[in-house]
Amino acid sequence: MNRWASSFLIISLIATMTACSSNDGNTANDQANKTDNTVTTDNATTEQTNDAAAENVDPLGKYAEPLTVTEVLGYGPPEDPKTPSGLTPDQNAYLKDLKEQLNIDLKYKWTVPTDQYEQKFSLSIASGDLPDIMDVDIRNFEKFKTQGVLADLTDAYEKYASPTLRKFMDSDGGQAMKSLTSDGKLYGIPGFEEPFLSTQILWIRADWLKNVNLEAPKTIDDLEKIATAFVNDDPDKDGKKDTYGLALQKNIVNWGFDTRGLFFGFNAYPSGWIKGSDGKLVPGEIQPEMKPALSKLQSWYKNGILDKEFALKDENKVVEDIVGSKVGMLYGEWWLPNWPLNLNKDADPNAEWICVQIPSLDGSPGKSLVPKVRMGHIVVVNSKFSNPEAAIKMINFYIEMNTKAHYDTNKPENGYVYNWFVPRIYNPVEIQTIHDEVNNAVANKSNSVSEDIPYYVNIQKPLEATQKFLAGDKTGWGLYSSRVSKDGGWGLTSQIRDSKQFVYNEFYGSATESQVENGAQLDKLMNETFTKIIMGESIDSFDKFVSSWKALGGDDVTAEVNDWYSSASK
C-alpha cells in the first residue's frame, strides 16, 4: 500500500452479531433503588450504587430526554433500486428508528454528494463550524487531536461499547485502537479493515501448467521456468507463439497487476517500512535486496517473459490481456477471481486458475508485506459536545440494525438507506465471516446462514454461488474461489495469516511533513528508475537512485518516520 497516503481505501465491509436494547436510564435507576432499599446511604454505599449502575449500563439505552446530535454527510445514491425516488438523507427511515429507540434526534448541518464532501468539510474546518460527531481520515484526526478539537472517548467506550463493537475492535489485537490512543486517552473509534486483505499471492493458469507439464512454483527459479514455458511452449495449444509469462502494468509498484509479489519473494519491500538491523525503520525501496529482483525482471523483459509493451499499459490494458488469455501468471490479492479472472473463464471455458503463496529465492514460503493497521475512516466527537457516549451508542445501533432480522422488515422500499447513516463501523473481518459461515452452511447442507449475520444478502450470494459451483454451474466460480474455497483467494490468505508467514509494514501513521512535500516526487523517481532498469538500463542505476532518493527528501522522510515510530512504540 502507498505509504504516502494519509488514509487507506476501505472496501465495503460488514457488521455482525447483535446487542440488546432497553432503557439504560431506567436500568441504572432501578439498580440504584434496589441498592438504596438494602444498604444505608453513606459514602461507601453511594460509590457501591454508582459502580452497580455502571456495570448495568445498556449499550443501546434510551435517553430519558431527547438528545440532539449534529453530523455532516457526503453521500452517494442508494444502493438498492427499490429505494423511493427523491428520498433525501434527512428523510432516511433509519433516523426515525434512532429517535424511537434511543431518543436521539440526528440533525445534519449539511449534506452533499460524495464528490463534494472534501471541499465542503474543509470549509467547515476553516470556519470552525464542526458537528458533534464526525467521520475523519487519519490526517484530519491528527490535526484535530493536536488542536484539542477531539473529545476523550475512553470512558464512553468502556461503559457503552457493545460486545460486538468490542469484538470488532479486538479483531486486530487492538492495534487500530492503540494507534488512536495518546497518553492513555482514546480519541477515536477506528473504521479499519482486516490488514491481510493486502496479502500478495500468485495466480496461475492451471490448465497451462498441465499443458506444459509443470507443477506450481515454490522458488523464483521454478517461476522463471514456468514463465519461459508459457512464452515458448504454446501453453494454450493454438499453434501460435502469442502468450507471455507474467502480467505487469506500467506502474511498477501499485495496487494491482504489479511487481510487489515478485519483490517480496526476494525479501525486498518497496513502499514499505521495515525494521533495520539497528531496530530503526528503513524504506524498503532503497535496500540492497531490490537490486537482484530488478536484475531478474530485466532478464525476463529481455527474454519475452514480460510484455514488451508493459511500460505503455495501464491496468485496463493488462486486464484485456488476462481476459483474452494472453498471459498465464499475475501477482495480486484474494479477490482476483471475482474480477478479472472470472471474465477470462467466461471468455475461455478451458481456463482454470489456482493460487499459491509467493515463490521465494530458497523455496521457503515467500512473505508478503502487510500493513499493521489498514485504516479507513475514524469516528470522532467534538470536545464541545457534552454527550460523547452518544457516538458509541449510535455505532452500537448501526451494528444492531445490520442483522437479518432488521433487513427482513426495514426494507429499502420503506425508505431505509443504510449507506447514508453515520457514524457506522463495519466488521473488520467480514471476509473471514463469509468464509466461515458459507463453509459451515455447505457442511450442514443448509440453504441459509445464521440469523445474526449482517448484510444477509452479501453472505447469501456467496452461499448461492458456492452451491451452484459445487453442483457444476461454473458461473459461481468467482465468488466461490475468492471468498469460500479453502484453497482459493481468502482461504490461502487466511492460512498465510494464521501461520504468520508475512512481514509487517511498521509505519501506519499519517503522512509526515516531508512525505506530503516530497512523496509524489520520490514515488515518481522510483517508478521511472525501476522501469528503465527493467527495460535494459544498467543495474548500477539503482545505486544512483538510492543517492537521489535520499537527497530529494528521503532522508528527511526517514527521520520523521522514525520519530513517529519512537513515539508510537512507547
Protein backbone atom coordinates (compact mmCIF):
# COMPACT_ATOMS: atom_id res chain seq x y z
CA MET A 1 0.00 0.00 0.00
CA ASN A 2 1.24 3.51 -0.78
CA ARG A 3 2.69 4.84 2.43
CA TRP A 4 2.31 8.44 1.28
CA ALA A 5 -1.45 8.16 1.51
CA SER A 6 -2.99 9.76 4.54
CA SER A 7 -5.69 7.14 4.67
CA PHE A 8 -6.33 3.79 3.11
CA LEU A 9 -9.19 2.95 0.78
CA ILE A 10 -11.74 0.98 2.51
CA ILE A 11 -13.59 -1.72 0.58
CA SER A 12 -17.19 -2.20 1.61
CA LEU A 13 -17.14 -4.15 4.91
CA ILE A 14 -19.87 -5.77 7.01
CA ALA A 15 -21.11 -5.59 10.63
CA THR A 16 -22.11 -8.72 12.56
CA MET A 17 -23.78 -10.03 15.72
CA THR A 18 -26.33 -8.12 17.80
CA ALA A 19 -26.74 -6.19 21.03
CA CYS A 20 -29.68 -5.90 23.42
CA SER A 21 -31.99 -2.85 23.53
CA SER A 22 -33.68 -1.33 26.61
CA ASN A 23 -33.71 1.84 28.71
CA ASP A 24 -30.33 2.26 30.38
CA GLY A 25 -31.54 5.24 32.36
CA ASN A 26 -34.30 3.13 33.90
CA THR A 27 -31.94 0.21 34.40
CA ALA A 28 -29.49 2.41 36.27
CA ASN A 29 -32.25 3.95 38.38
CA ASP A 30 -33.77 0.56 39.18
CA GLN A 31 -30.40 -0.75 40.26
CA ALA A 32 -29.78 2.31 42.41
CA ASN A 33 -33.22 2.00 44.00
CA LYS A 34 -32.66 -1.66 44.81
CA THR A 35 -29.34 -0.81 46.40
CA ASP A 36 -30.80 2.08 48.39
CA ASN A 37 -33.51 -0.23 49.77
CA THR A 38 -30.98 -2.65 51.20
CA VAL A 39 -27.93 -0.60 52.18
CA THR A 40 -27.56 2.59 54.23
CA THR A 41 -26.74 5.77 52.29
CA ASP A 42 -23.22 6.62 53.43
CA ASN A 43 -20.35 7.48 51.08
CA ALA A 44 -19.33 3.87 50.62
CA THR A 45 -22.91 2.96 49.73
CA THR A 46 -23.12 5.76 47.16
CA GLU A 47 -19.95 4.51 45.48
CA GLN A 48 -21.32 0.97 45.52
CA THR A 49 -24.56 2.19 43.93
CA ASN A 50 -22.70 4.08 41.18
CA ASP A 51 -20.49 1.07 40.44
CA ALA A 52 -23.50 -1.22 40.25
CA ALA A 53 -25.29 1.18 37.91
CA ALA A 54 -22.22 1.47 35.69
CA GLU A 55 -21.97 -2.29 35.42
CA ASN A 56 -25.54 -2.40 34.12
CA VAL A 57 -25.24 0.36 31.53
CA ASP A 58 -27.13 -0.62 28.39
CA PRO A 59 -25.13 -0.15 25.14
CA LEU A 60 -28.42 0.78 23.48
CA GLY A 61 -30.07 2.59 26.37
CA LYS A 62 -32.72 5.19 25.54
CA TYR A 63 -32.16 8.74 26.75
CA ALA A 64 -34.79 9.95 29.20
CA GLU A 65 -34.91 13.31 27.39
CA PRO A 66 -34.43 13.89 23.63
CA LEU A 67 -30.78 14.40 22.69
CA THR A 68 -29.96 16.39 19.56
CA VAL A 69 -26.81 15.25 17.74
CA THR A 70 -25.36 17.07 14.73
CA GLU A 71 -23.40 15.49 11.89
CA VAL A 72 -22.40 16.17 8.28
CA LEU A 73 -22.68 13.74 5.40
CA GLY A 74 -21.23 13.06 1.99
CA TYR A 75 -23.50 10.56 0.28
CA GLY A 76 -23.86 8.55 -2.88
CA PRO A 77 -27.00 7.16 -4.49
CA PRO A 78 -28.96 4.49 -2.60
CA GLU A 79 -27.52 1.01 -3.09
CA ASP A 80 -30.91 -0.58 -3.70
CA PRO A 81 -33.01 0.42 -6.75
CA LYS A 82 -36.20 -0.18 -4.77
CA THR A 83 -35.49 2.92 -2.66
CA PRO A 84 -38.20 5.57 -3.26
CA SER A 85 -37.10 8.18 -5.77
CA GLY A 86 -36.44 11.64 -4.44
CA LEU A 87 -35.56 10.42 -0.96
CA THR A 88 -33.03 12.67 0.83
CA PRO A 89 -30.69 11.74 3.72
CA ASP A 90 -32.75 13.63 6.30
CA GLN A 91 -35.78 11.53 5.26
CA ASN A 92 -33.97 8.24 5.85
CA ALA A 93 -36.31 5.93 7.79
CA TYR A 94 -33.29 4.86 9.79
CA LEU A 95 -33.41 8.21 11.62
CA LYS A 96 -36.96 7.53 12.79
CA ASP A 97 -35.83 4.29 14.44
CA LEU A 98 -32.90 6.10 16.04
CA LYS A 99 -35.33 8.58 17.59
CA GLU A 100 -37.82 5.94 18.73
CA GLN A 101 -35.28 3.53 20.20
CA LEU A 102 -32.52 5.81 21.55
CA ASN A 103 -34.35 9.16 21.73
CA ILE A 104 -31.63 10.74 19.60
CA ASP A 105 -32.59 13.48 17.13
CA LEU A 106 -29.97 13.38 14.40
CA LYS A 107 -29.63 16.70 12.57
CA TYR A 108 -27.35 17.20 9.57
CA LYS A 109 -25.59 20.55 9.46
CA TRP A 110 -25.24 19.86 5.75
CA THR A 111 -25.30 17.01 3.24
CA VAL A 112 -23.58 16.97 -0.14
CA PRO A 113 -22.80 14.36 -2.81
CA THR A 114 -19.66 12.38 -2.04
CA ASP A 115 -17.50 14.13 -4.64
CA GLN A 116 -18.17 17.50 -2.93
CA TYR A 117 -17.59 16.33 0.62
CA GLU A 118 -13.88 17.04 0.98
CA GLN A 119 -14.22 20.65 -0.18
CA LYS A 120 -17.28 21.25 2.00
CA PHE A 121 -15.67 19.72 5.05
CA SER A 122 -12.56 21.85 4.54
CA LEU A 123 -14.76 24.94 4.63
CA SER A 124 -16.32 23.73 7.89
CA ILE A 125 -12.85 23.28 9.37
CA ALA A 126 -11.81 26.77 8.27
CA SER A 127 -14.91 28.36 9.78
CA GLY A 128 -14.79 26.26 12.95
CA ASP A 129 -18.38 25.16 12.36
CA LEU A 130 -17.93 21.47 13.16
CA PRO A 131 -20.66 18.95 14.06
CA ASP A 132 -20.88 16.93 17.27
CA ILE A 133 -19.85 13.63 15.67
CA MET A 134 -17.62 13.32 12.62
CA ASP A 135 -16.04 10.78 10.30
CA VAL A 136 -12.46 11.88 9.54
CA ASP A 137 -9.36 10.49 7.87
CA ILE A 138 -6.08 9.95 9.70
CA ARG A 139 -4.64 13.32 8.66
CA ASN A 140 -7.57 15.33 10.00
CA PHE A 141 -7.61 13.12 13.07
CA GLU A 142 -4.01 14.06 13.86
CA LYS A 143 -4.70 17.75 13.18
CA PHE A 144 -7.83 17.82 15.32
CA LYS A 145 -6.10 15.98 18.16
CA THR A 146 -3.24 18.48 18.17
CA GLN A 147 -5.70 21.39 18.17
CA GLY A 148 -7.73 20.00 21.08
CA VAL A 149 -10.85 19.54 18.95
CA LEU A 150 -11.42 15.90 19.93
CA ALA A 151 -13.26 14.57 22.97
CA ASP A 152 -11.73 11.83 25.11
CA LEU A 153 -13.79 8.69 24.40
CA THR A 154 -12.07 6.42 26.91
CA ASP A 155 -14.88 6.31 29.49
CA ALA A 156 -17.64 6.35 26.87
CA TYR A 157 -16.15 3.33 25.13
CA GLU A 158 -15.51 1.41 28.35
CA LYS A 159 -19.06 1.94 29.59
CA TYR A 160 -21.13 1.75 26.41
CA ALA A 161 -19.33 -0.31 23.76
CA SER A 162 -21.45 -3.35 22.91
CA PRO A 163 -19.94 -6.85 22.93
CA THR A 164 -19.96 -6.85 19.15
CA LEU A 165 -18.21 -3.50 18.85
CA ARG A 166 -15.57 -4.74 21.29
CA LYS A 167 -15.18 -7.86 19.19
CA PHE A 168 -14.57 -5.73 16.11
CA MET A 169 -12.01 -3.57 17.89
CA ASP A 170 -10.18 -6.62 19.29
CA SER A 171 -10.02 -8.40 15.93
CA ASP A 172 -6.55 -6.99 15.15
CA GLY A 173 -5.23 -7.38 18.68
CA GLY A 174 -6.24 -3.82 19.50
CA GLN A 175 -3.64 -2.30 17.16
CA ALA A 176 -6.01 0.14 15.45
CA MET A 177 -7.38 1.34 18.78
CA LYS A 178 -3.85 1.78 20.10
CA SER A 179 -2.99 3.96 17.10
CA LEU A 180 -5.75 6.40 18.13
CA THR A 181 -4.75 6.47 21.80
CA SER A 182 -2.47 9.12 23.24
CA ASP A 183 -1.38 9.48 26.87
CA GLY A 184 -3.86 6.79 27.82
CA LYS A 185 -6.79 8.61 26.19
CA LEU A 186 -8.82 7.23 23.30
CA TYR A 187 -9.69 9.92 20.76
CA GLY A 188 -11.47 7.95 18.04
CA ILE A 189 -13.16 4.72 17.06
CA PRO A 190 -11.36 3.27 14.02
CA GLY A 191 -13.19 2.04 10.96
CA PHE A 192 -10.41 -0.28 9.91
CA GLU A 193 -10.08 -3.29 7.64
CA GLU A 194 -8.51 -6.70 8.04
CA PRO A 195 -4.82 -5.90 7.33
CA PHE A 196 -4.33 -9.17 5.45
CA LEU A 197 -6.66 -8.06 2.68
CA SER A 198 -3.44 -6.67 1.15
CA THR A 199 -1.58 -10.00 1.14
CA GLN A 200 0.04 -10.75 -2.20
CA ILE A 201 -0.34 -14.23 -3.70
CA LEU A 202 0.45 -15.67 -7.15
CA TRP A 203 -2.37 -16.63 -9.54
CA ILE A 204 -1.55 -19.18 -12.29
CA ARG A 205 -3.36 -20.73 -15.24
CA ALA A 206 -3.51 -24.36 -14.03
CA ASP A 207 -4.61 -25.61 -17.45
CA TRP A 208 -1.48 -24.05 -18.94
CA LEU A 209 0.67 -25.72 -16.28
CA LYS A 210 -0.79 -29.06 -17.30
CA ASN A 211 -0.21 -28.34 -20.98
CA VAL A 212 3.50 -27.60 -20.42
CA ASN A 213 3.85 -30.49 -17.93
CA LEU A 214 4.99 -28.40 -14.96
CA GLU A 215 3.93 -28.00 -11.34
CA ALA A 216 3.18 -24.85 -9.35
CA PRO A 217 6.34 -22.94 -8.36
CA LYS A 218 7.98 -22.76 -4.95
CA THR A 219 11.15 -20.88 -5.94
CA ILE A 220 11.94 -17.95 -8.19
CA ASP A 221 13.77 -20.39 -10.47
CA ASP A 222 10.59 -22.51 -10.70
CA LEU A 223 8.65 -19.37 -11.55
CA GLU A 224 11.11 -18.48 -14.30
CA LYS A 225 10.92 -21.97 -15.76
CA ILE A 226 7.12 -21.83 -15.89
CA ALA A 227 7.07 -18.31 -17.32
CA THR A 228 9.53 -19.33 -20.04
CA ALA A 229 7.35 -22.31 -20.94
CA PHE A 230 4.31 -20.04 -21.09
CA VAL A 231 6.16 -17.99 -23.71
CA ASN A 232 7.76 -20.73 -25.80
CA ASP A 233 5.77 -23.95 -25.41
CA ASP A 234 2.33 -22.94 -26.72
CA PRO A 235 0.51 -23.29 -23.36
CA ASP A 236 -2.90 -22.55 -24.90
CA LYS A 237 -2.34 -25.08 -27.71
CA ASP A 238 -3.42 -22.75 -30.50
CA GLY A 239 -0.30 -23.33 -32.57
CA LYS A 240 0.85 -19.72 -32.18
CA LYS A 241 3.55 -18.02 -30.13
CA ASP A 242 1.27 -15.30 -28.79
CA THR A 243 1.45 -15.57 -24.99
CA TYR A 244 3.71 -14.21 -22.27
CA GLY A 245 4.53 -15.31 -18.77
CA LEU A 246 3.82 -12.64 -16.15
CA ALA A 247 1.37 -9.74 -16.17
CA LEU A 248 2.81 -6.30 -15.46
CA GLN A 249 1.41 -2.79 -15.85
CA LYS A 250 3.30 0.46 -16.30
CA ASN A 251 3.14 1.41 -12.60
CA ILE A 252 5.73 -0.96 -11.15
CA VAL A 253 4.56 -0.66 -7.54
CA ASN A 254 0.83 -0.06 -7.47
CA TRP A 255 -2.49 -1.51 -6.33
CA GLY A 256 -2.66 -4.42 -8.76
CA PHE A 257 -1.05 -6.27 -11.69
CA ASP A 258 2.33 -5.01 -10.48
CA THR A 259 5.64 -6.37 -9.15
CA ARG A 260 5.11 -6.24 -5.39
CA GLY A 261 4.69 -10.01 -5.02
CA LEU A 262 7.83 -10.70 -7.02
CA PHE A 263 9.87 -8.22 -4.96
CA PHE A 264 8.55 -9.78 -1.76
CA GLY A 265 9.88 -13.15 -2.95
CA PHE A 266 13.35 -11.54 -2.95
CA ASN A 267 12.78 -10.21 0.61
CA ALA A 268 12.55 -6.73 -0.90
CA TYR A 269 9.71 -4.47 0.25
CA PRO A 270 9.22 -1.31 -1.84
CA SER A 271 6.78 1.25 -0.41
CA GLY A 272 7.09 -0.40 2.97
CA TRP A 273 8.88 0.50 6.18
CA ILE A 274 10.67 -2.45 7.76
CA LYS A 275 12.95 -2.86 10.75
CA GLY A 276 16.65 -2.48 10.01
CA SER A 277 19.49 -4.19 11.82
CA ASP A 278 19.66 -1.32 14.32
CA GLY A 279 15.97 -1.54 15.17
CA LYS A 280 15.06 1.62 13.27
CA LEU A 281 12.71 1.72 10.30
CA VAL A 282 14.16 1.75 6.80
CA PRO A 283 12.42 2.34 3.44
CA GLY A 284 12.17 -0.92 1.51
CA GLU A 285 12.73 0.52 -1.97
CA ILE A 286 16.34 1.57 -1.33
CA GLN A 287 17.52 -1.63 0.36
CA PRO A 288 20.11 -3.86 -1.40
CA GLU A 289 17.60 -6.73 -1.77
CA MET A 290 15.93 -4.70 -4.50
CA LYS A 291 18.89 -4.99 -6.84
CA PRO A 292 18.75 -8.74 -7.66
CA ALA A 293 14.98 -8.52 -8.06
CA LEU A 294 15.34 -5.74 -10.62
CA SER A 295 18.10 -7.66 -12.38
CA LYS A 296 15.79 -10.67 -12.67
CA LEU A 297 13.00 -8.55 -14.11
CA GLN A 298 15.46 -7.10 -16.60
CA SER A 299 16.38 -10.57 -17.87
CA TRP A 300 12.70 -11.54 -18.06
CA TYR A 301 11.93 -8.49 -20.15
CA LYS A 302 14.79 -9.32 -22.48
CA ASN A 303 13.58 -12.91 -22.86
CA GLY A 304 9.92 -12.05 -23.50
CA ILE A 305 8.55 -13.27 -20.18
CA LEU A 306 7.22 -9.75 -19.65
CA ASP A 307 5.16 -7.99 -22.28
CA LYS A 308 7.45 -5.78 -24.37
CA GLU A 309 4.77 -3.08 -24.22
CA PHE A 310 4.23 -3.17 -20.43
CA ALA A 311 5.54 0.38 -19.94
CA LEU A 312 2.66 1.67 -22.08
CA LYS A 313 -0.11 -0.39 -20.49
CA ASP A 314 -2.33 0.68 -17.64
CA GLU A 315 -4.33 -1.81 -15.58
CA ASN A 316 -7.19 -1.81 -18.11
CA LYS A 317 -4.89 -2.94 -20.90
CA VAL A 318 -3.45 -5.67 -18.68
CA VAL A 319 -6.97 -6.85 -17.87
CA GLU A 320 -7.62 -7.14 -21.61
CA ASP A 321 -4.62 -9.48 -21.87
CA ILE A 322 -5.83 -11.55 -18.93
CA VAL A 323 -9.36 -11.86 -20.28
CA GLY A 324 -8.00 -12.61 -23.76
CA SER A 325 -5.80 -15.49 -22.47
CA LYS A 326 -2.56 -13.75 -23.41
CA VAL A 327 -0.82 -14.16 -20.03
CA GLY A 328 -0.56 -17.07 -17.62
CA MET A 329 0.51 -15.60 -14.25
CA LEU A 330 -0.06 -12.49 -12.17
CA TYR A 331 0.55 -11.35 -8.63
CA GLY A 332 -2.36 -9.93 -6.71
CA GLU A 333 -4.76 -10.27 -3.84
CA TRP A 334 -7.52 -12.66 -2.77
CA TRP A 335 -10.32 -11.01 -4.77
CA LEU A 336 -8.96 -11.52 -8.30
CA PRO A 337 -11.29 -14.47 -9.15
CA ASN A 338 -14.21 -12.08 -8.81
CA TRP A 339 -12.51 -9.73 -11.28
CA PRO A 340 -10.97 -10.14 -13.79
CA LEU A 341 -10.20 -13.89 -13.71
CA ASN A 342 -13.92 -14.71 -13.87
CA LEU A 343 -14.13 -12.75 -17.13
CA ASN A 344 -11.34 -14.88 -18.54
CA LYS A 345 -13.24 -18.04 -17.59
CA ASP A 346 -16.34 -16.63 -19.25
CA ALA A 347 -14.40 -15.98 -22.46
CA ASP A 348 -12.34 -19.18 -22.34
CA PRO A 349 -14.17 -22.23 -20.91
CA ASN A 350 -10.83 -24.08 -20.64
CA ALA A 351 -9.29 -21.50 -18.31
CA GLU A 352 -8.52 -22.80 -14.82
CA TRP A 353 -6.86 -20.59 -12.23
CA ILE A 354 -5.17 -21.57 -8.97
CA CYS A 355 -3.31 -19.51 -6.37
CA VAL A 356 -0.12 -20.26 -4.44
CA GLN A 357 1.93 -18.46 -1.83
CA ILE A 358 4.52 -16.24 -3.46
CA PRO A 359 7.66 -18.15 -4.55
CA SER A 360 10.91 -17.25 -2.81
CA LEU A 361 14.61 -17.49 -3.55
CA ASP A 362 15.19 -20.61 -1.44
CA GLY A 363 11.82 -22.34 -1.67
CA SER A 364 10.64 -21.39 1.81
CA PRO A 365 7.22 -19.69 1.89
CA GLY A 366 7.54 -16.17 0.46
CA LYS A 367 6.44 -13.49 2.91
CA SER A 368 4.13 -10.74 1.71
CA LEU A 369 4.20 -7.25 3.17
CA VAL A 370 1.00 -6.38 5.05
CA PRO A 371 0.08 -3.20 6.94
CA LYS A 372 -0.09 -3.28 10.72
CA VAL A 373 -3.17 -1.10 10.50
CA ARG A 374 -5.34 -0.67 7.40
CA MET A 375 -7.17 2.43 8.49
CA GLY A 376 -10.20 3.86 6.77
CA HIS A 377 -12.43 6.44 8.43
CA ILE A 378 -12.30 7.35 12.12
CA VAL A 379 -15.34 8.27 14.22
CA VAL A 380 -14.54 11.22 16.48
CA VAL A 381 -16.52 13.52 18.77
CA ASN A 382 -16.26 17.29 19.09
CA SER A 383 -14.82 18.20 22.51
CA LYS A 384 -17.60 20.80 22.84
CA PHE A 385 -20.26 18.07 22.77
CA SER A 386 -21.44 17.12 26.27
CA ASN A 387 -22.58 13.56 25.43
CA PRO A 388 -19.66 11.73 23.77
CA GLU A 389 -21.22 8.38 24.69
CA ALA A 390 -23.90 9.10 22.06
CA ALA A 391 -21.36 8.26 19.35
CA ILE A 392 -20.74 4.84 20.90
CA LYS A 393 -24.46 4.17 21.25
CA MET A 394 -25.09 5.17 17.63
CA ILE A 395 -22.34 2.83 16.43
CA ASN A 396 -23.87 0.04 18.52
CA PHE A 397 -27.22 0.87 16.96
CA TYR A 398 -25.85 0.66 13.43
CA ILE A 399 -24.36 -2.76 14.16
CA GLU A 400 -27.64 -3.94 15.69
CA MET A 401 -29.65 -2.70 12.71
CA ASN A 402 -27.42 -4.56 10.28
CA THR A 403 -28.78 -8.00 11.04
CA LYS A 404 -31.07 -10.19 9.00
CA ALA A 405 -33.92 -9.71 11.46
CA HIS A 406 -33.96 -5.98 10.72
CA TYR A 407 -33.36 -6.40 7.00
CA ASP A 408 -36.48 -8.51 6.74
CA THR A 409 -38.60 -5.59 7.99
CA ASN A 410 -36.56 -2.44 7.30
CA LYS A 411 -36.75 -2.68 3.54
CA PRO A 412 -35.36 -0.18 1.01
CA GLU A 413 -38.84 0.41 -0.42
CA ASN A 414 -39.83 1.71 3.02
CA GLY A 415 -37.11 4.36 2.93
CA TYR A 416 -34.22 2.61 4.70
CA VAL A 417 -30.83 3.59 3.27
CA TYR A 418 -28.08 2.08 5.42
CA ASN A 419 -25.18 3.52 3.44
CA TRP A 420 -26.37 7.04 4.27
CA PHE A 421 -26.01 6.66 8.01
CA VAL A 422 -23.11 7.87 10.13
CA PRO A 423 -21.44 7.03 12.37
CA ARG A 424 -21.00 3.46 11.28
CA ILE A 425 -18.37 0.83 11.90
CA TYR A 426 -18.20 -2.26 9.71
CA ASN A 427 -17.00 -5.71 10.65
CA PRO A 428 -13.23 -5.66 10.02
CA VAL A 429 -13.24 -9.42 9.47
CA GLU A 430 -16.12 -9.54 7.00
CA ILE A 431 -14.37 -11.85 4.54
CA GLN A 432 -13.43 -14.31 7.26
CA THR A 433 -17.05 -14.25 8.44
CA ILE A 434 -18.28 -15.04 4.92
CA HIS A 435 -15.66 -17.78 4.51
CA ASP A 436 -16.59 -19.48 7.78
CA GLU A 437 -20.36 -19.10 7.54
CA VAL A 438 -20.65 -20.36 3.97
CA ASN A 439 -18.39 -23.32 4.62
CA ASN A 440 -20.45 -24.17 7.71
CA ALA A 441 -23.69 -23.90 5.72
CA VAL A 442 -22.33 -26.16 2.97
CA ALA A 443 -21.10 -28.70 5.53
CA ASN A 444 -24.52 -28.71 7.18
CA LYS A 445 -26.33 -28.82 3.82
CA SER A 446 -28.15 -25.61 4.71
CA ASN A 447 -29.56 -23.03 2.33
CA SER A 448 -29.13 -20.09 4.69
CA VAL A 449 -26.74 -18.61 7.20
CA SER A 450 -27.16 -17.51 10.81
CA GLU A 451 -29.90 -15.01 11.65
CA ASP A 452 -27.30 -12.83 13.36
CA ILE A 453 -25.13 -12.39 10.28
CA PRO A 454 -25.36 -8.83 8.96
CA TYR A 455 -25.90 -7.75 5.39
CA TYR A 456 -27.62 -11.04 4.80
CA VAL A 457 -27.72 -10.72 1.03
CA ASN A 458 -23.93 -10.23 0.84
CA ILE A 459 -23.35 -13.59 2.50
CA GLN A 460 -26.27 -15.31 0.82
CA LYS A 461 -24.85 -14.52 -2.62
CA PRO A 462 -21.53 -16.31 -1.98
CA LEU A 463 -23.51 -19.21 -0.50
CA GLU A 464 -25.72 -19.45 -3.58
CA ALA A 465 -22.70 -19.11 -5.88
CA THR A 466 -20.90 -21.85 -3.95
CA GLN A 467 -23.87 -24.19 -4.18
CA LYS A 468 -24.10 -23.55 -7.91
CA PHE A 469 -20.39 -24.15 -8.42
CA LEU A 470 -20.35 -27.36 -6.39
CA ALA A 471 -23.35 -28.54 -8.41
CA GLY A 472 -21.44 -27.98 -11.66
CA ASP A 473 -22.53 -24.47 -12.60
CA LYS A 474 -19.25 -22.65 -13.25
CA THR A 475 -20.85 -19.19 -13.16
CA GLY A 476 -20.45 -19.25 -9.38
CA TRP A 477 -16.68 -19.71 -9.57
CA GLY A 478 -15.66 -16.08 -8.92
CA LEU A 479 -17.40 -15.70 -5.56
CA TYR A 480 -16.58 -19.28 -4.57
CA SER A 481 -12.87 -19.10 -5.37
CA SER A 482 -12.30 -15.65 -3.91
CA ARG A 483 -14.27 -15.98 -0.66
CA VAL A 484 -15.16 -19.58 0.12
CA SER A 485 -12.76 -22.18 -1.27
CA LYS A 486 -10.22 -23.32 1.30
CA ASP A 487 -7.62 -23.34 -1.49
CA GLY A 488 -8.85 -20.08 -3.04
CA GLY A 489 -8.02 -16.43 -2.50
CA TRP A 490 -9.15 -15.86 1.05
CA GLY A 491 -8.61 -19.48 2.04
CA LEU A 492 -4.90 -19.23 1.19
CA THR A 493 -4.63 -15.70 2.59
CA SER A 494 -6.03 -16.78 5.95
CA GLN A 495 -3.56 -19.69 6.03
CA ILE A 496 -0.70 -17.24 5.45
CA ARG A 497 -2.04 -15.03 8.24
CA ASP A 498 -2.51 -17.87 10.71
CA SER A 499 0.93 -19.34 10.03
CA LYS A 500 2.49 -15.87 10.48
CA GLN A 501 4.28 -16.03 7.14
CA PHE A 502 4.29 -12.31 6.44
CA VAL A 503 6.22 -9.11 7.12
CA TYR A 504 4.60 -6.06 8.70
CA ASN A 505 4.79 -2.58 7.24
CA GLU A 506 5.70 -0.90 10.51
CA PHE A 507 4.64 2.63 9.60
CA TYR A 508 0.92 3.31 9.84
CA GLY A 509 0.78 6.95 10.90
CA SER A 510 -0.47 9.88 8.88
CA ALA A 511 1.80 11.28 6.19
CA THR A 512 4.70 13.23 7.67
CA GLU A 513 5.53 16.77 6.60
CA SER A 514 8.27 15.63 4.22
CA GLN A 515 6.08 12.85 2.83
CA VAL A 516 3.42 15.37 1.93
CA GLU A 517 6.00 17.65 0.34
CA ASN A 518 8.21 15.09 -1.42
CA GLY A 519 6.32 11.80 -1.53
CA ALA A 520 4.92 12.09 -5.05
CA GLN A 521 8.33 13.08 -6.41
CA LEU A 522 10.05 10.15 -4.70
CA ASP A 523 7.44 7.68 -5.95
CA LYS A 524 7.85 9.01 -9.48
CA LEU A 525 11.62 8.66 -9.21
CA MET A 526 11.25 5.05 -8.05
CA ASN A 527 8.84 4.06 -10.78
CA GLU A 528 10.82 5.72 -13.57
CA THR A 529 14.15 4.27 -12.42
CA PHE A 530 12.80 0.75 -11.98
CA THR A 531 11.10 0.86 -15.38
CA LYS A 532 14.32 1.94 -17.11
CA ILE A 533 16.30 -0.80 -15.39
CA ILE A 534 13.77 -3.47 -16.37
CA MET A 535 13.91 -2.26 -19.97
CA GLY A 536 17.70 -2.54 -20.13
CA GLU A 537 19.40 0.34 -18.33
CA SER A 538 22.43 -0.66 -16.24
CA ILE A 539 21.53 -2.24 -12.91
CA ASP A 540 24.03 0.19 -11.36
CA SER A 541 21.41 2.88 -11.92
CA PHE A 542 19.86 1.55 -8.72
CA ASP A 543 22.78 2.93 -6.69
CA LYS A 544 22.30 6.37 -8.25
CA PHE A 545 18.57 6.09 -7.47
CA VAL A 546 19.33 5.44 -3.79
CA SER A 547 21.52 8.54 -3.59
CA SER A 548 18.95 10.70 -5.38
CA TRP A 549 16.11 9.35 -3.23
CA LYS A 550 17.94 10.34 -0.07
CA ALA A 551 18.93 13.77 -1.37
CA LEU A 552 15.44 14.65 -2.66
CA GLY A 553 13.84 14.40 0.76
CA GLY A 554 14.07 10.69 1.52
CA ASP A 555 16.43 11.19 4.43
CA ASP A 556 14.04 13.74 5.93
CA VAL A 557 11.15 11.32 5.50
CA THR A 558 13.14 8.55 7.16
CA ALA A 559 13.96 10.75 10.13
CA GLU A 560 10.32 11.80 10.56
CA VAL A 561 9.04 8.25 10.25
CA ASN A 562 11.48 7.12 12.93
CA ASP A 563 10.43 9.97 15.18
CA TRP A 564 6.86 8.71 14.81
CA TYR A 565 7.99 5.10 15.39
CA SER A 566 9.83 6.04 18.56
CA SER A 567 6.73 7.78 19.88
CA ALA A 568 4.31 5.03 18.77
CA SER A 569 6.44 2.32 20.38
CA LYS A 570 6.16 3.85 23.85
